[in-house]
N, C-alpha and C. Protein backbone atom coordinates (compact mmCIF):
# COMPACT_ATOMS: atom_id res chain seq x y z
N MET A 1 -13.92 83.20 53.02
CA MET A 1 -12.44 82.80 53.26
C MET A 1 -12.16 82.12 52.16
N LEU A 2 -13.29 81.80 51.28
CA LEU A 2 -12.50 80.40 50.23
C LEU A 2 -12.53 81.37 48.84
N ASP A 3 -11.27 81.54 48.35
CA ASP A 3 -11.24 82.23 47.23
C ASP A 3 -10.31 81.58 46.76
N SER A 4 -9.43 82.20 45.42
CA SER A 4 -8.73 81.35 44.44
C SER A 4 -7.09 81.22 45.00
N SER A 5 -6.96 81.98 46.48
CA SER A 5 -5.53 81.75 47.11
C SER A 5 -5.59 80.44 47.63
N TYR A 6 -7.08 80.15 48.37
CA TYR A 6 -7.16 79.08 49.00
C TYR A 6 -7.15 77.50 47.96
N LEU A 7 -7.69 78.06 46.75
CA LEU A 7 -7.85 76.80 45.98
C LEU A 7 -6.37 76.53 45.28
N LEU A 8 -5.50 77.48 45.28
CA LEU A 8 -4.35 77.24 44.64
C LEU A 8 -3.52 76.50 46.17
N LEU A 9 -3.66 76.90 47.12
CA LEU A 9 -3.24 76.50 48.51
C LEU A 9 -3.57 74.89 48.07
N ILE A 10 -4.60 74.42 47.98
CA ILE A 10 -5.23 72.85 48.29
C ILE A 10 -4.60 72.11 47.06
N LEU A 11 -4.57 72.75 45.88
CA LEU A 11 -3.77 72.05 44.87
C LEU A 11 -2.18 71.95 45.08
N VAL A 12 -1.76 72.94 45.60
CA VAL A 12 -0.23 72.76 45.98
C VAL A 12 0.11 71.87 47.11
N THR A 13 -0.72 71.64 48.22
CA THR A 13 -0.57 71.05 48.95
C THR A 13 -0.94 69.41 48.76
N LEU A 14 -1.81 69.21 47.55
CA LEU A 14 -2.18 68.31 47.50
C LEU A 14 -1.17 67.56 46.58
N GLY A 15 -0.53 68.42 46.02
CA GLY A 15 0.47 67.92 44.84
C GLY A 15 1.79 67.57 45.73
N ILE A 16 2.09 68.08 46.50
CA ILE A 16 3.01 67.74 47.38
C ILE A 16 2.96 66.76 48.29
N GLY A 17 1.75 66.20 48.82
CA GLY A 17 1.40 65.22 49.66
C GLY A 17 1.27 63.88 48.62
N LEU A 18 0.61 64.00 47.50
CA LEU A 18 0.67 63.01 46.45
C LEU A 18 1.96 62.62 45.95
N GLY A 19 2.84 63.70 45.92
CA GLY A 19 4.22 63.24 45.25
C GLY A 19 4.95 62.58 46.24
N ALA A 20 4.81 63.12 47.55
CA ALA A 20 5.81 62.35 48.59
C ALA A 20 5.17 60.82 48.73
N GLN A 21 4.04 60.75 48.46
CA GLN A 21 3.47 59.09 48.94
C GLN A 21 4.08 58.41 47.56
N PHE A 22 3.72 59.16 46.55
CA PHE A 22 4.19 58.04 45.59
C PHE A 22 5.52 57.70 45.44
N TYR A 23 6.47 58.74 45.63
CA TYR A 23 7.89 58.49 45.86
C TYR A 23 8.20 57.34 47.14
N VAL A 24 7.91 57.37 48.27
CA VAL A 24 7.87 56.57 49.00
C VAL A 24 7.27 55.32 48.99
N ASN A 25 6.19 55.34 48.41
CA ASN A 25 5.82 53.63 47.85
C ASN A 25 6.68 52.85 46.75
N ALA A 26 7.19 53.96 45.96
CA ALA A 26 7.95 53.34 45.02
C ALA A 26 9.09 52.91 45.41
N LYS A 27 9.93 53.74 46.34
CA LYS A 27 11.10 52.94 46.94
C LYS A 27 10.90 52.06 47.80
N LEU A 28 9.83 51.99 48.52
CA LEU A 28 9.53 50.74 49.60
C LEU A 28 9.31 49.54 48.74
N LYS A 29 8.75 49.41 47.42
CA LYS A 29 8.38 48.33 46.74
C LYS A 29 9.87 47.92 46.03
N GLN A 30 10.46 48.91 45.46
CA GLN A 30 11.83 48.66 44.83
C GLN A 30 12.78 47.81 45.56
N TYR A 31 12.71 48.15 46.86
CA TYR A 31 13.88 47.33 47.81
C TYR A 31 13.10 46.36 48.49
N GLN A 32 12.09 46.11 48.78
CA GLN A 32 11.27 44.92 48.89
C GLN A 32 11.52 43.92 47.99
N ARG A 33 12.02 44.19 46.94
CA ARG A 33 12.49 42.99 45.86
C ARG A 33 14.15 42.73 46.23
N VAL A 34 14.76 43.48 46.86
CA VAL A 34 16.31 43.50 47.18
C VAL A 34 16.57 42.67 48.54
N PRO A 35 16.75 41.40 48.34
CA PRO A 35 17.06 40.53 49.41
C PRO A 35 18.37 41.03 50.28
N ILE A 36 18.15 41.18 51.56
CA ILE A 36 19.64 41.40 52.43
C ILE A 36 20.48 40.61 52.68
N SER A 37 21.70 40.69 52.44
CA SER A 37 22.75 39.90 52.22
C SER A 37 23.31 38.93 53.61
N ASN A 38 22.68 39.44 54.82
CA ASN A 38 23.02 38.86 55.87
C ASN A 38 21.90 37.72 56.04
N GLY A 39 20.78 37.68 55.18
CA GLY A 39 19.88 36.85 55.55
C GLY A 39 18.79 37.01 56.70
N PHE A 40 19.20 38.20 57.26
CA PHE A 40 18.36 38.20 58.83
C PHE A 40 16.69 38.63 58.17
N THR A 41 15.87 38.42 58.79
CA THR A 41 14.44 39.13 58.98
C THR A 41 14.50 40.45 59.69
N GLY A 42 13.47 41.17 59.36
CA GLY A 42 13.35 42.58 59.93
C GLY A 42 13.37 42.42 61.79
N ALA A 43 12.62 41.28 62.37
CA ALA A 43 12.67 41.33 63.54
C ALA A 43 13.85 40.95 64.36
N GLU A 44 14.75 39.90 63.52
CA GLU A 44 16.18 39.63 63.90
C GLU A 44 17.08 40.87 64.00
N CYS A 45 17.23 41.72 62.98
CA CYS A 45 17.70 42.73 62.93
C CYS A 45 17.21 43.72 64.04
N ALA A 46 16.18 43.96 64.22
CA ALA A 46 15.69 45.06 65.40
C ALA A 46 16.33 44.13 66.84
N HIS A 47 16.36 42.90 67.03
CA HIS A 47 17.17 42.55 68.11
C HIS A 47 18.24 42.87 68.11
N GLN A 48 19.04 42.57 67.18
CA GLN A 48 20.47 42.94 67.05
C GLN A 48 21.00 44.16 67.23
N MET A 49 20.25 45.11 66.75
CA MET A 49 20.51 46.45 66.89
C MET A 49 20.32 46.91 68.33
N LEU A 50 19.20 46.52 68.86
CA LEU A 50 18.78 46.85 70.26
C LEU A 50 20.19 46.32 71.28
N ALA A 51 20.61 45.02 70.84
CA ALA A 51 21.83 44.41 71.48
C ALA A 51 22.87 45.22 71.25
N TYR A 52 23.25 45.71 70.20
CA TYR A 52 24.17 46.59 69.57
C TYR A 52 24.45 47.92 70.47
N TYR A 53 23.36 48.59 70.77
CA TYR A 53 23.20 49.70 71.48
C TYR A 53 22.84 49.52 72.84
N GLY A 54 23.03 48.37 73.33
CA GLY A 54 22.89 48.16 74.93
C GLY A 54 21.25 48.30 75.60
N VAL A 55 20.33 48.61 74.68
CA VAL A 55 18.98 48.88 74.93
C VAL A 55 18.35 47.59 75.46
N ARG A 56 17.83 47.64 76.54
CA ARG A 56 17.28 46.41 77.21
C ARG A 56 15.50 46.34 77.48
N ASN A 57 14.98 45.63 77.22
CA ASN A 57 13.60 45.20 77.85
C ASN A 57 12.35 46.23 76.64
N VAL A 58 13.11 45.81 75.74
CA VAL A 58 12.28 46.43 74.63
C VAL A 58 11.38 45.21 73.88
N ILE A 59 10.30 45.37 73.79
CA ILE A 59 9.58 44.14 73.16
C ILE A 59 9.43 44.40 71.49
N VAL A 60 9.57 43.32 70.86
CA VAL A 60 9.72 43.54 69.57
C VAL A 60 8.34 42.28 68.86
N GLN A 61 7.51 43.04 68.46
CA GLN A 61 6.06 42.52 68.19
C GLN A 61 5.39 42.56 66.97
N PRO A 62 4.95 41.48 66.04
CA PRO A 62 4.46 41.63 64.86
C PRO A 62 3.28 42.59 65.15
N GLY A 63 2.90 43.13 63.98
CA GLY A 63 1.51 44.12 63.86
C GLY A 63 0.91 43.48 62.64
N GLY A 64 -0.04 44.52 62.13
CA GLY A 64 -0.82 44.37 60.98
C GLY A 64 -0.09 45.37 59.81
N PRO A 65 -0.61 44.95 58.80
CA PRO A 65 -0.08 45.62 57.47
C PRO A 65 -0.07 47.04 57.75
N GLY A 66 1.28 47.55 57.32
CA GLY A 66 1.62 48.90 57.53
C GLY A 66 1.52 49.51 59.16
N GLN A 67 1.76 48.61 59.95
CA GLN A 67 1.97 48.92 61.31
C GLN A 67 3.62 48.85 61.65
N ASP A 68 4.25 50.03 61.52
CA ASP A 68 5.82 49.86 61.90
C ASP A 68 5.64 51.17 62.86
N PHE A 69 6.05 50.92 64.10
CA PHE A 69 5.99 52.04 65.01
C PHE A 69 6.78 51.71 66.12
N PHE A 70 7.09 52.54 67.21
CA PHE A 70 7.68 52.37 68.38
C PHE A 70 6.61 53.26 69.23
N ASP A 71 6.19 52.38 70.25
CA ASP A 71 5.36 52.84 71.28
C ASP A 71 5.97 53.06 72.78
N PRO A 72 6.29 54.33 73.04
CA PRO A 72 7.12 54.52 74.24
C PRO A 72 6.27 54.36 75.53
N ARG A 73 4.80 53.97 75.50
CA ARG A 73 4.08 53.82 76.69
C ARG A 73 4.24 52.33 76.85
N THR A 74 4.64 51.46 75.86
CA THR A 74 4.68 50.01 76.23
C THR A 74 6.13 49.73 76.24
N ASN A 75 6.99 50.45 75.67
CA ASN A 75 8.55 50.60 75.44
C ASN A 75 8.61 49.07 74.22
N SER A 76 7.53 49.37 73.40
CA SER A 76 7.57 48.06 72.30
C SER A 76 7.78 48.46 70.95
N VAL A 77 8.39 47.97 70.12
CA VAL A 77 8.51 47.92 68.62
C VAL A 77 7.71 47.10 67.96
N THR A 78 6.79 47.69 67.13
CA THR A 78 5.70 46.66 66.57
C THR A 78 6.07 46.83 64.79
N LEU A 79 6.08 45.77 64.20
CA LEU A 79 6.67 45.75 62.69
C LEU A 79 5.49 45.16 62.15
N SER A 80 5.19 45.63 60.90
CA SER A 80 4.21 44.83 59.82
C SER A 80 4.81 43.48 59.36
N PRO A 81 4.11 42.55 58.75
CA PRO A 81 4.06 41.44 58.51
C PRO A 81 5.52 41.37 57.54
N GLU A 82 5.53 42.22 56.62
CA GLU A 82 6.40 41.96 55.52
C GLU A 82 7.81 42.73 56.20
N VAL A 83 7.72 43.49 56.85
CA VAL A 83 9.18 43.78 57.78
C VAL A 83 9.45 42.83 58.70
N TYR A 84 8.24 42.49 59.82
CA TYR A 84 8.86 41.52 60.56
C TYR A 84 9.49 40.24 60.15
N SER A 85 8.93 39.35 59.11
CA SER A 85 9.30 38.17 58.73
C SER A 85 10.29 38.56 57.55
N GLY A 86 10.01 39.97 56.85
CA GLY A 86 10.91 40.03 55.62
C GLY A 86 12.17 40.13 55.79
N ARG A 87 13.17 39.43 54.58
CA ARG A 87 14.48 39.50 54.52
C ARG A 87 14.76 40.49 53.42
N SER A 88 14.44 41.69 53.42
CA SER A 88 14.80 42.62 52.28
C SER A 88 15.62 43.75 52.80
N VAL A 89 16.06 44.68 51.78
CA VAL A 89 16.45 45.85 52.50
C VAL A 89 15.48 46.63 53.17
N THR A 90 14.38 46.87 52.25
CA THR A 90 13.08 47.43 52.98
C THR A 90 13.11 47.07 54.52
N ALA A 91 12.96 45.62 54.76
CA ALA A 91 12.44 45.33 55.78
C ALA A 91 13.67 45.76 57.02
N THR A 92 14.92 45.56 56.74
CA THR A 92 15.90 45.89 57.48
C THR A 92 15.83 47.26 57.82
N ALA A 93 15.95 47.99 56.64
CA ALA A 93 15.77 49.72 57.16
C ALA A 93 14.48 50.24 57.75
N THR A 94 13.86 49.52 57.43
CA THR A 94 12.07 49.95 58.32
C THR A 94 12.19 49.50 60.03
N ALA A 95 12.97 48.31 59.92
CA ALA A 95 12.85 47.79 61.18
C ALA A 95 14.02 48.60 62.33
N CYS A 96 15.20 48.93 61.45
CA CYS A 96 16.45 49.63 62.42
C CYS A 96 15.70 50.98 62.73
N HIS A 97 14.72 51.51 61.82
CA HIS A 97 14.66 52.99 61.69
C HIS A 97 13.58 53.00 63.24
N GLU A 98 12.64 52.12 63.16
CA GLU A 98 11.91 51.86 64.41
C GLU A 98 12.88 51.80 65.66
N VAL A 99 13.70 50.93 65.72
CA VAL A 99 14.93 50.51 66.76
C VAL A 99 15.51 51.81 67.25
N GLY A 100 15.49 52.65 66.13
CA GLY A 100 16.10 54.06 66.25
C GLY A 100 15.45 54.97 67.50
N HIS A 101 14.10 54.61 67.23
CA HIS A 101 13.25 55.49 68.49
C HIS A 101 13.33 54.87 69.80
N ALA A 102 13.29 53.55 69.61
CA ALA A 102 13.47 52.96 71.03
C ALA A 102 14.98 53.35 71.71
N CYS A 103 15.77 53.73 70.91
CA CYS A 103 17.16 54.07 71.54
C CYS A 103 17.26 55.46 72.02
N GLN A 104 16.26 56.25 71.04
CA GLN A 104 15.81 57.75 71.50
C GLN A 104 15.22 57.82 72.89
N PHE A 105 14.25 56.83 73.01
CA PHE A 105 13.67 56.47 74.17
C PHE A 105 14.43 56.36 75.37
N ALA A 106 15.35 55.19 75.26
CA ALA A 106 16.29 54.99 76.45
C ALA A 106 17.22 56.11 76.71
N ALA A 107 17.62 56.65 76.07
CA ALA A 107 18.53 57.82 75.85
C ALA A 107 18.07 59.02 76.30
N ASP A 108 16.62 59.31 76.53
CA ASP A 108 16.00 60.52 76.94
C ASP A 108 16.26 61.71 75.69
N TYR A 109 16.13 60.99 74.74
CA TYR A 109 16.59 62.21 73.60
C TYR A 109 15.25 63.12 73.60
N THR A 110 16.00 64.62 73.75
CA THR A 110 15.36 65.75 73.87
C THR A 110 14.11 66.14 73.25
N PRO A 111 14.23 65.97 71.61
CA PRO A 111 13.13 66.39 70.77
C PRO A 111 12.11 65.39 71.04
N MET A 112 12.51 63.97 71.17
CA MET A 112 11.38 62.65 71.48
C MET A 112 10.42 63.33 72.58
N LYS A 113 11.35 63.91 73.67
CA LYS A 113 10.68 64.26 74.87
C LYS A 113 9.76 65.26 74.79
N ILE A 114 10.07 66.23 73.80
CA ILE A 114 9.35 67.44 73.52
C ILE A 114 8.20 66.96 72.95
N ARG A 115 8.14 66.04 72.02
CA ARG A 115 7.14 65.76 71.05
C ARG A 115 6.05 65.00 71.94
N GLY A 116 6.84 64.14 72.88
CA GLY A 116 5.92 63.51 73.96
C GLY A 116 4.95 64.23 74.92
N ALA A 117 5.55 65.64 75.01
CA ALA A 117 4.86 66.35 75.97
C ALA A 117 3.95 67.36 75.27
N LEU A 118 3.85 67.03 74.06
CA LEU A 118 3.13 68.12 72.84
C LEU A 118 1.70 66.91 72.56
N VAL A 119 1.81 65.64 72.78
CA VAL A 119 0.81 64.82 72.60
C VAL A 119 -0.53 64.96 72.94
N PRO A 120 -0.59 65.25 74.38
CA PRO A 120 -1.77 65.72 74.92
C PRO A 120 -2.44 66.66 74.17
N ALA A 121 -1.69 67.92 74.06
CA ALA A 121 -2.56 69.22 73.46
C ALA A 121 -3.02 68.75 72.31
N VAL A 122 -1.92 68.17 71.45
CA VAL A 122 -2.24 67.81 70.18
C VAL A 122 -3.46 66.95 70.07
N SER A 123 -3.85 65.96 70.67
CA SER A 123 -5.01 65.24 70.78
C SER A 123 -5.90 65.98 71.14
N ALA A 124 -5.96 67.41 71.92
CA ALA A 124 -7.09 67.95 72.33
C ALA A 124 -7.63 68.70 71.03
N VAL A 125 -6.69 69.33 70.40
CA VAL A 125 -7.01 70.36 69.26
C VAL A 125 -7.11 69.63 68.09
N SER A 126 -6.41 68.38 67.64
CA SER A 126 -6.75 68.19 66.31
C SER A 126 -8.08 67.95 65.77
N ASN A 127 -8.95 67.68 66.45
CA ASN A 127 -10.24 67.37 66.07
C ASN A 127 -11.02 68.55 66.39
N THR A 128 -10.64 69.60 66.93
CA THR A 128 -11.39 70.46 67.40
C THR A 128 -11.37 72.00 66.44
N TRP A 129 -9.98 72.13 66.26
CA TRP A 129 -9.63 73.81 65.60
C TRP A 129 -10.72 73.85 64.48
N ILE A 130 -10.70 72.92 63.63
CA ILE A 130 -11.80 73.30 62.28
C ILE A 130 -13.28 73.50 62.42
N PHE A 131 -13.63 73.11 63.77
CA PHE A 131 -15.03 73.40 63.98
C PHE A 131 -15.15 75.03 64.46
N LEU A 132 -14.25 75.21 65.33
CA LEU A 132 -13.93 76.44 65.85
C LEU A 132 -13.50 77.49 64.46
N LEU A 133 -12.92 77.27 63.60
CA LEU A 133 -12.88 77.97 62.86
C LEU A 133 -13.95 78.13 62.05
N VAL A 134 -14.54 77.12 61.65
CA VAL A 134 -15.81 77.44 60.64
C VAL A 134 -16.67 78.08 61.60
N ALA A 135 -16.98 77.93 62.49
CA ALA A 135 -17.99 78.72 63.70
C ALA A 135 -17.53 80.13 63.50
N GLY A 136 -16.25 80.33 63.75
CA GLY A 136 -15.63 81.79 63.94
C GLY A 136 -16.02 82.36 62.50
N VAL A 137 -15.85 81.78 61.52
CA VAL A 137 -16.20 82.35 59.94
C VAL A 137 -17.74 82.68 59.92
N VAL A 138 -18.62 81.75 60.13
CA VAL A 138 -19.56 81.74 60.00
C VAL A 138 -20.63 82.62 60.79
N LEU A 139 -20.12 82.77 62.14
CA LEU A 139 -20.48 83.98 62.85
C LEU A 139 -19.97 85.10 62.91
N ASN A 140 -18.86 85.24 62.23
CA ASN A 140 -18.36 86.50 61.94
C ASN A 140 -17.41 86.89 63.30
N MET A 141 -16.58 85.86 64.10
CA MET A 141 -16.20 86.15 65.55
C MET A 141 -14.87 85.89 65.51
N VAL A 142 -14.40 86.89 65.27
CA VAL A 142 -12.53 87.11 64.98
C VAL A 142 -12.03 86.31 66.09
N GLY A 143 -12.35 86.59 67.36
CA GLY A 143 -11.94 85.99 68.58
C GLY A 143 -11.67 84.47 68.77
N LEU A 144 -12.87 84.09 67.71
CA LEU A 144 -12.93 82.59 68.07
C LEU A 144 -12.21 81.79 66.78
N VAL A 145 -11.74 82.93 65.68
CA VAL A 145 -10.96 82.24 64.48
C VAL A 145 -9.25 82.33 65.06
N TRP A 146 -9.24 83.27 65.81
CA TRP A 146 -7.67 83.20 66.32
C TRP A 146 -7.60 81.99 67.27
N ILE A 147 -8.56 81.88 68.06
CA ILE A 147 -8.38 80.37 69.19
C ILE A 147 -7.91 79.39 68.07
N ALA A 148 -8.88 79.23 67.12
CA ALA A 148 -8.82 78.22 65.94
C ALA A 148 -7.22 78.03 65.34
N ILE A 149 -7.07 79.23 65.09
CA ILE A 149 -5.81 79.31 64.39
C ILE A 149 -4.60 79.02 65.52
N ILE A 150 -4.68 79.42 66.71
CA ILE A 150 -3.62 79.10 67.82
C ILE A 150 -3.73 77.71 68.00
N MET A 151 -4.67 77.05 68.17
CA MET A 151 -4.91 75.55 68.25
C MET A 151 -4.21 74.83 67.04
N TYR A 152 -4.49 75.20 65.98
CA TYR A 152 -3.80 74.58 64.63
C TYR A 152 -2.32 74.86 64.81
N ALA A 153 -1.78 75.93 65.28
CA ALA A 153 -0.46 75.98 65.33
C ALA A 153 0.43 75.10 66.32
N VAL A 154 -0.43 74.97 67.30
CA VAL A 154 0.12 73.74 68.24
C VAL A 154 0.30 72.59 67.43
N ALA A 155 -0.43 72.18 66.59
CA ALA A 155 -0.35 70.73 65.81
C ALA A 155 0.60 71.24 64.79
N VAL A 156 0.67 72.33 64.25
CA VAL A 156 2.23 72.43 63.48
C VAL A 156 3.44 72.10 64.17
N LEU A 157 3.31 72.96 65.20
CA LEU A 157 4.47 72.89 65.88
C LEU A 157 4.88 71.14 66.20
N PHE A 158 3.71 70.30 66.36
CA PHE A 158 4.30 68.89 66.63
C PHE A 158 4.83 68.28 65.59
N GLN A 159 4.14 68.73 64.16
CA GLN A 159 4.89 68.26 63.05
C GLN A 159 6.33 68.63 62.99
N VAL A 160 6.64 69.92 62.88
CA VAL A 160 7.95 70.43 63.16
C VAL A 160 8.73 69.73 64.10
N VAL A 161 8.46 69.51 65.17
CA VAL A 161 9.26 68.74 66.30
C VAL A 161 9.49 67.36 65.94
N THR A 162 8.81 66.76 65.14
CA THR A 162 8.66 65.51 64.63
C THR A 162 9.86 65.20 63.75
N LEU A 163 10.24 66.24 62.89
CA LEU A 163 11.16 66.22 62.00
C LEU A 163 12.66 65.79 62.52
N PRO A 164 13.15 66.47 63.31
CA PRO A 164 14.35 66.12 64.15
C PRO A 164 14.06 64.25 64.73
N VAL A 165 13.02 63.96 65.39
CA VAL A 165 12.93 62.93 65.60
C VAL A 165 13.22 61.58 64.63
N GLU A 166 12.36 62.22 63.84
CA GLU A 166 12.66 60.85 62.63
C GLU A 166 13.90 60.86 62.00
N PHE A 167 14.45 62.24 61.68
CA PHE A 167 15.71 62.18 61.12
C PHE A 167 16.90 61.53 61.99
N ASN A 168 16.69 61.73 63.37
CA ASN A 168 17.81 61.15 64.11
C ASN A 168 17.51 59.40 64.44
N ALA A 169 16.36 59.08 64.41
CA ALA A 169 16.23 57.67 64.15
C ALA A 169 16.95 57.16 62.96
N SER A 170 16.51 57.45 61.72
CA SER A 170 17.19 57.13 60.60
C SER A 170 18.73 57.26 60.46
N ARG A 171 19.45 58.12 61.05
CA ARG A 171 20.54 58.33 61.51
C ARG A 171 21.25 57.19 62.46
N ARG A 172 20.63 56.59 63.48
CA ARG A 172 20.98 55.94 63.95
C ARG A 172 21.04 54.20 63.61
N ALA A 173 19.70 54.30 62.83
CA ALA A 173 19.60 52.90 61.71
C ALA A 173 20.84 52.80 60.95
N MET A 174 21.26 54.17 60.26
CA MET A 174 22.07 54.07 59.15
C MET A 174 23.51 53.51 59.83
N ALA A 175 23.92 54.38 61.17
CA ALA A 175 25.01 54.15 61.61
C ALA A 175 25.02 52.49 62.10
N TYR A 176 24.16 51.92 62.59
CA TYR A 176 24.18 50.52 62.94
C TYR A 176 24.47 49.81 61.71
N MET A 177 23.72 49.87 60.40
CA MET A 177 23.79 48.90 59.38
C MET A 177 25.26 49.28 58.77
N GLY A 178 25.59 50.21 58.92
CA GLY A 178 26.96 50.55 58.75
C GLY A 178 28.16 49.58 59.32
N SER A 179 27.94 49.67 60.35
CA SER A 179 28.85 48.86 61.40
C SER A 179 28.47 47.37 61.49
N ILE A 180 27.57 47.03 60.81
CA ILE A 180 27.59 45.49 60.72
C ILE A 180 28.15 44.78 59.49
N GLY A 181 28.50 46.05 58.71
CA GLY A 181 29.31 45.64 57.44
C GLY A 181 28.48 45.33 56.43
N LEU A 182 27.03 45.90 56.14
CA LEU A 182 26.51 45.51 54.84
C LEU A 182 27.01 46.23 53.58
N PRO A 183 26.85 45.31 52.53
CA PRO A 183 27.66 46.09 51.16
C PRO A 183 27.08 47.63 50.97
N GLN A 184 28.11 48.00 50.24
CA GLN A 184 27.68 49.72 50.08
C GLN A 184 26.22 49.79 49.43
N ALA A 185 26.07 48.89 48.50
CA ALA A 185 24.70 49.02 47.67
C ALA A 185 23.59 48.49 48.30
N GLU A 186 23.48 48.00 49.25
CA GLU A 186 22.51 47.80 50.44
C GLU A 186 22.44 48.96 51.36
N GLN A 187 23.55 49.69 51.73
CA GLN A 187 23.40 50.69 52.71
C GLN A 187 22.64 51.71 51.81
N LYS A 188 22.99 51.96 50.52
CA LYS A 188 22.70 52.95 49.79
C LYS A 188 21.24 52.62 49.66
N GLY A 189 20.64 51.45 49.45
CA GLY A 189 19.34 51.06 49.30
C GLY A 189 18.42 51.58 50.66
N ALA A 190 19.16 51.35 51.57
CA ALA A 190 18.30 51.23 53.10
C ALA A 190 18.17 53.20 52.95
N PHE A 191 19.33 53.96 52.64
CA PHE A 191 19.43 55.20 52.68
C PHE A 191 18.10 55.65 51.91
N ASP A 192 18.10 55.14 50.85
CA ASP A 192 16.76 55.82 49.74
C ASP A 192 15.45 55.56 50.48
N VAL A 193 15.38 54.37 51.14
CA VAL A 193 14.25 53.89 51.85
C VAL A 193 13.73 54.99 52.86
N LEU A 194 14.77 55.15 53.71
CA LEU A 194 14.67 56.21 54.85
C LEU A 194 14.55 57.29 54.60
N ARG A 195 15.40 57.92 53.39
CA ARG A 195 15.08 59.46 52.81
C ARG A 195 13.61 59.52 52.27
N ALA A 196 13.31 58.53 51.53
CA ALA A 196 11.66 58.59 51.06
C ALA A 196 10.76 58.69 52.06
N CYS A 197 10.89 57.90 53.19
CA CYS A 197 10.12 58.13 54.29
C CYS A 197 10.02 59.21 55.15
N ALA A 198 11.42 59.88 54.88
CA ALA A 198 11.40 61.55 55.58
C ALA A 198 11.00 62.33 54.83
N PHE A 199 10.72 62.21 53.59
CA PHE A 199 9.87 63.04 52.63
C PHE A 199 8.59 63.38 53.02
N THR A 200 7.89 62.18 53.46
CA THR A 200 6.43 62.37 53.91
C THR A 200 6.25 63.11 55.14
N TYR A 201 7.41 63.01 55.98
CA TYR A 201 7.08 63.91 56.95
C TYR A 201 7.74 65.27 56.93
N LEU A 202 8.52 65.73 55.95
CA LEU A 202 8.64 66.76 55.69
C LEU A 202 7.57 67.56 54.83
N ALA A 203 6.77 66.59 53.96
CA ALA A 203 5.56 67.11 53.19
C ALA A 203 4.76 67.39 54.05
N ALA A 204 4.46 66.69 55.13
CA ALA A 204 3.26 67.05 55.83
C ALA A 204 3.45 68.12 56.66
N ALA A 205 4.84 68.42 57.14
CA ALA A 205 5.06 69.75 58.02
C ALA A 205 4.59 70.81 56.96
N LEU A 206 5.33 70.88 55.48
CA LEU A 206 5.24 71.61 54.94
C LEU A 206 4.07 72.14 54.40
N THR A 207 3.08 71.23 54.40
CA THR A 207 1.62 71.48 54.05
C THR A 207 1.05 72.28 55.32
N SER A 208 1.33 71.64 56.18
CA SER A 208 0.76 72.47 57.65
C SER A 208 1.25 73.69 57.62
N ILE A 209 2.45 74.02 57.39
CA ILE A 209 3.00 75.40 57.57
C ILE A 209 2.22 76.56 56.44
N LEU A 210 2.20 75.63 55.59
CA LEU A 210 1.49 76.66 54.20
C LEU A 210 0.03 76.91 54.76
N GLN A 211 -0.70 75.89 55.14
CA GLN A 211 -2.14 76.32 55.77
C GLN A 211 -2.07 77.06 56.88
N LEU A 212 -1.15 77.41 57.44
CA LEU A 212 -1.07 78.32 58.80
C LEU A 212 -0.76 79.36 58.49
N LEU A 213 0.13 79.82 57.66
CA LEU A 213 0.56 80.84 56.87
C LEU A 213 -0.54 81.65 55.93
N TRP A 214 -1.37 80.74 55.61
CA TRP A 214 -2.34 81.04 54.67
C TRP A 214 -3.47 81.58 55.68
N MET A 215 -3.82 80.99 56.73
CA MET A 215 -4.64 81.61 57.57
C MET A 215 -4.39 82.93 58.47
N LEU A 216 -2.80 82.85 58.84
CA LEU A 216 -2.66 84.02 59.21
C LEU A 216 -2.72 85.19 58.41
N GLY A 217 -2.46 85.28 56.98
CA GLY A 217 -2.72 85.91 55.94
C GLY A 217 -3.76 86.51 55.86
N GLN A 218 -4.75 85.68 56.01
CA GLN A 218 -6.15 85.99 55.96
C GLN A 218 -6.61 86.79 56.94
N GLN A 219 -6.21 86.76 58.17
CA GLN A 219 -6.77 87.52 59.09
C GLN A 219 -6.36 88.64 59.21
N ARG A 220 -4.92 88.70 58.74
CA ARG A 220 -4.33 90.02 58.93
C ARG A 220 -4.70 90.96 57.60
N SER A 221 -5.42 90.58 56.75
CA SER A 221 -6.04 91.29 55.37
C SER A 221 -7.12 91.94 55.68
N GLU A 222 -7.84 91.22 56.83
CA GLU A 222 -9.41 91.48 57.31
C GLU A 222 -9.26 92.65 58.01
């Protein structure tokens, strides 16, 4: 199954992934150097956004480097040190985005519920499908290969469903930042940060879809 088309696929997906990562890193660093005019830390912004939307009982806590996420299991927002204590446009945008997920959870946002329902299945297949695929190819068992492809498709579906969840969280963040009267330049900077982060999710979904289409094409040609 390893042929020139697969090597091309590897090059294309690698280019997409590296390009997206370079872009997001550049934007995050650019706006880390731009102070937020209200002087609030990311943690303070998170608390204020939660209060603005009337979302209660959400814990905002510091995490390790690069740990910016919302955990629905504990109803908590974890922020990395540079975001939790930071007073930059990047810190504000990142904190508000994660609070956007907390708002989704509080509102029973449908795409988030669908993504949550897919988590157990994705956890089960994410580290299994590749072994079944290799075994199916080596043993020339078409049925095993198809099972692997179906399992991989579940993981791809999860990434696709993640897109509206991430986009909506950013829209909630931008709506809040606009409501508190941040200068237009800072709102634009926050939008640039959130858009760059969204590109990473788009890139991951696109590379997964391309991989899935390639595997389907290979099976149909055999």
